[in-house]
Protein backbone atom coordinates (compact mmCIF):
# COMPACT_ATOMS: atom_id res chain seq x y z
CA MET A 1 6.15 -9.31 17.89
CA VAL A 2 4.26 -7.77 14.97
CA SER A 3 0.74 -8.86 14.07
CA LEU A 4 -1.30 -8.00 10.98
CA HIS A 5 -4.91 -6.90 11.22
CA ALA A 6 -7.44 -6.45 8.44
CA ILE A 7 -9.43 -3.31 9.15
CA THR A 8 -12.87 -2.00 8.21
CA PRO A 9 -14.40 1.47 7.79
CA ASP A 10 -15.13 1.47 11.53
CA ASP A 11 -11.36 1.41 12.11
CA TRP A 12 -10.91 4.73 10.30
CA PRO A 13 -9.18 6.49 13.27
CA LEU A 14 -6.43 3.86 13.26
CA TRP A 15 -6.08 4.12 9.46
CA ARG A 16 -6.00 7.91 9.68
CA ASP A 17 -3.27 7.87 12.30
CA ILE A 18 -1.00 5.48 10.41
CA ARG A 19 -1.62 7.15 7.05
CA VAL A 20 -0.72 10.55 8.54
CA ALA A 21 2.43 8.97 10.01
CA ALA A 22 3.32 7.53 6.59
CA LEU A 23 2.76 10.79 4.73
CA THR A 24 4.73 12.68 7.37
CA ASP A 25 7.65 10.23 7.38
CA ALA A 26 7.90 9.64 3.63
CA PRO A 27 6.19 12.45 1.71
CA ARG A 28 8.20 11.68 -1.45
CA ALA A 29 7.13 8.03 -1.47
CA PHE A 30 3.46 8.73 -2.19
CA THR A 31 1.59 10.71 -4.81
CA ALA A 32 -0.88 11.83 -2.12
CA GLN A 33 0.16 14.64 0.16
CA LEU A 34 -0.66 15.13 3.83
CA ALA A 35 -2.64 18.28 3.02
CA ASP A 36 -4.95 16.20 0.78
CA TRP A 37 -6.12 14.25 3.82
CA HIS A 38 -6.71 17.06 6.29
CA ARG A 39 -9.65 18.40 4.31
CA GLY A 40 -12.04 15.44 4.13
CA GLY A 41 -12.64 14.44 7.71
CA GLN A 42 -14.14 11.18 8.89
CA GLU A 43 -16.18 10.58 5.74
CA GLN A 44 -13.08 10.70 3.54
CA TRP A 45 -11.27 8.19 5.76
CA ARG A 46 -14.27 5.84 5.93
CA ALA A 47 -14.78 6.01 2.16
CA ARG A 48 -11.17 4.96 1.56
CA LEU A 49 -11.71 1.83 3.66
CA ALA A 50 -15.13 1.05 2.17
CA ILE A 51 -14.09 0.42 -1.44
CA PRO A 52 -16.00 -2.76 -2.37
CA GLY A 53 -13.77 -5.83 -2.36
CA SER A 54 -10.75 -3.98 -1.01
CA TYR A 55 -8.34 -5.24 1.63
CA ASN A 56 -6.84 -2.86 4.17
CA ALA A 57 -4.37 -3.98 6.82
CA VAL A 58 -2.18 -2.54 9.52
CA ALA A 59 0.80 -4.09 11.23
CA LEU A 60 0.85 -3.63 15.00
CA ARG A 61 3.72 -4.10 17.42
CA GLY A 62 1.68 -4.55 20.56
CA SER A 63 -0.84 -1.73 20.17
CA VAL A 64 1.47 0.55 18.17
CA PRO A 65 0.85 0.74 14.40
CA VAL A 66 4.10 0.12 12.50
CA GLY A 67 2.92 -0.58 8.95
CA MET A 68 0.06 -0.40 6.50
CA VAL A 69 -1.02 -1.67 3.09
CA ARG A 70 -4.04 -1.70 0.81
CA GLY A 71 -5.26 -4.10 -1.83
CA ILE A 72 -7.68 -2.78 -4.45
CA PRO A 73 -9.60 -4.88 -6.98
CA GLY A 74 -8.66 -3.98 -10.53
CA GLU A 75 -9.88 -4.88 -13.97
CA GLY A 76 -9.18 -7.90 -16.14
CA GLY A 77 -8.01 -10.23 -13.39
CA THR A 78 -5.62 -7.71 -11.87
CA SER A 79 -5.49 -6.37 -8.32
CA GLU A 80 -3.39 -3.49 -7.06
CA LEU A 81 -1.13 -3.16 -4.04
CA ARG A 82 -1.19 0.41 -2.69
CA SER A 83 -0.07 2.57 0.22
CA LEU A 84 2.59 0.22 1.59
CA TRP A 85 4.53 1.84 4.41
CA VAL A 86 6.59 0.60 7.34
CA SER A 87 7.60 2.89 10.20
CA PRO A 88 11.32 3.60 10.60
CA GLN A 89 11.45 1.66 13.90
CA ALA A 90 10.11 -1.49 12.19
CA ARG A 91 12.13 -1.38 8.96
CA GLY A 92 14.39 -4.35 8.46
CA ASP A 93 12.17 -6.59 10.61
CA GLY A 94 10.30 -8.21 7.71
CA VAL A 95 7.12 -6.15 8.19
CA GLY A 96 7.06 -4.93 4.59
CA GLY A 97 7.36 -8.48 3.31
CA ARG A 98 4.55 -9.67 5.54
CA LEU A 99 2.30 -6.86 4.33
CA ILE A 100 3.10 -7.69 0.69
CA GLU A 101 2.36 -11.36 1.29
CA ALA A 102 -0.96 -10.51 2.98
CA VAL A 103 -2.08 -8.52 -0.07
CA THR A 104 -0.78 -11.26 -2.37
CA ALA A 105 -2.89 -13.84 -0.51
CA TRP A 106 -5.94 -11.56 -0.66
CA ALA A 107 -5.46 -11.04 -4.42
CA ARG A 108 -5.19 -14.78 -5.03
CA GLN A 109 -8.30 -15.47 -2.96
CA SER A 110 -10.08 -12.76 -4.95
CA GLY A 111 -9.30 -14.66 -8.16
CA SER A 112 -6.75 -12.21 -9.55
CA ALA A 113 -4.13 -13.50 -11.95
CA THR A 114 -1.80 -10.52 -11.48
CA LEU A 115 -0.90 -8.16 -8.67
CA LYS A 116 0.49 -4.80 -9.74
CA LEU A 117 1.69 -1.63 -8.07
CA ALA A 118 3.12 1.76 -8.92
CA VAL A 119 6.20 3.20 -7.25
CA LEU A 120 7.71 6.64 -7.57
CA PRO A 121 10.94 6.83 -9.55
CA GLY A 122 14.00 6.84 -7.33
CA ASN A 123 12.39 4.99 -4.42
CA GLU A 124 15.09 2.31 -4.59
CA PRO A 125 14.43 0.72 -1.16
CA ALA A 126 10.79 0.10 -2.13
CA ILE A 127 11.72 -1.17 -5.60
CA ALA A 128 14.23 -3.60 -4.06
CA LEU A 129 11.62 -4.86 -1.59
CA TYR A 130 9.08 -5.42 -4.36
CA ARG A 131 11.62 -7.24 -6.52
CA ARG A 132 12.52 -9.54 -3.61
CA HIS A 133 8.83 -10.47 -3.54
CA GLY A 134 8.56 -11.36 -7.22
CA PHE A 135 7.55 -8.08 -8.84
CA VAL A 136 9.08 -7.13 -12.18
CA THR A 137 9.02 -3.88 -14.13
CA THR A 138 6.32 -3.70 -16.79
CA GLU A 139 6.02 -1.65 -19.96
CA GLU A 140 2.84 -0.03 -18.64
CA LEU A 141 3.03 3.72 -18.27
CA GLY A 142 2.37 4.90 -14.75
CA HIS A 143 0.60 8.13 -13.85
CA LEU A 144 2.27 11.31 -15.03
CA LEU A 145 3.72 13.20 -12.06
CA ALA A 146 3.96 16.96 -11.57
CA ASP A 147 7.69 16.94 -12.40
CA GLY A 148 7.06 15.29 -15.77
CA THR A 149 8.23 11.81 -14.75
CA ARG A 150 5.97 8.78 -14.50
CA GLU A 151 5.34 6.24 -11.79
CA GLN A 152 7.08 2.93 -12.41
CA VAL A 153 4.61 0.04 -12.69
CA LEU A 154 5.63 -3.38 -11.39
CA ALA A 155 3.62 -6.61 -11.44
CA LYS A 156 3.81 -10.25 -10.47
CA PRO A 157 1.81 -13.22 -11.68
CA LEU A 158 -0.26 -15.02 -9.06
CA HIS A 159 -0.56 -18.49 -10.64
């Protein structure tokens, strides 16, 4: 059985461990690199979890972390879904969908009209998951990546 837990800055060791696992397992799924996170120490991890109004959650199977997600308040009635990852041993069990729905509920409760995200080009499993949960491709230009491509921006209305 997998349970979802909202976490706080005091839970930074758990967040650190699962984020390192995510960046190790799927380095091409994130714009951040593992090396970026080894430099900052505890303060960097706490700061990530202390963004005002943010939502940070981990999925646990028993006491083992098997997934993570973040929700970040945006501008103009938009919130952002970030850092979604599910461990290989939990993929196909609905964990990703549960994490997306948790951020969707948080965004609605926060008063957002739209939830958006950015995904790296070619990450077809993630794009398929997001589309199953109501996200559609937008015309918005994502961040420019080192290889000259751009992130793909997807969004879904929350009304």
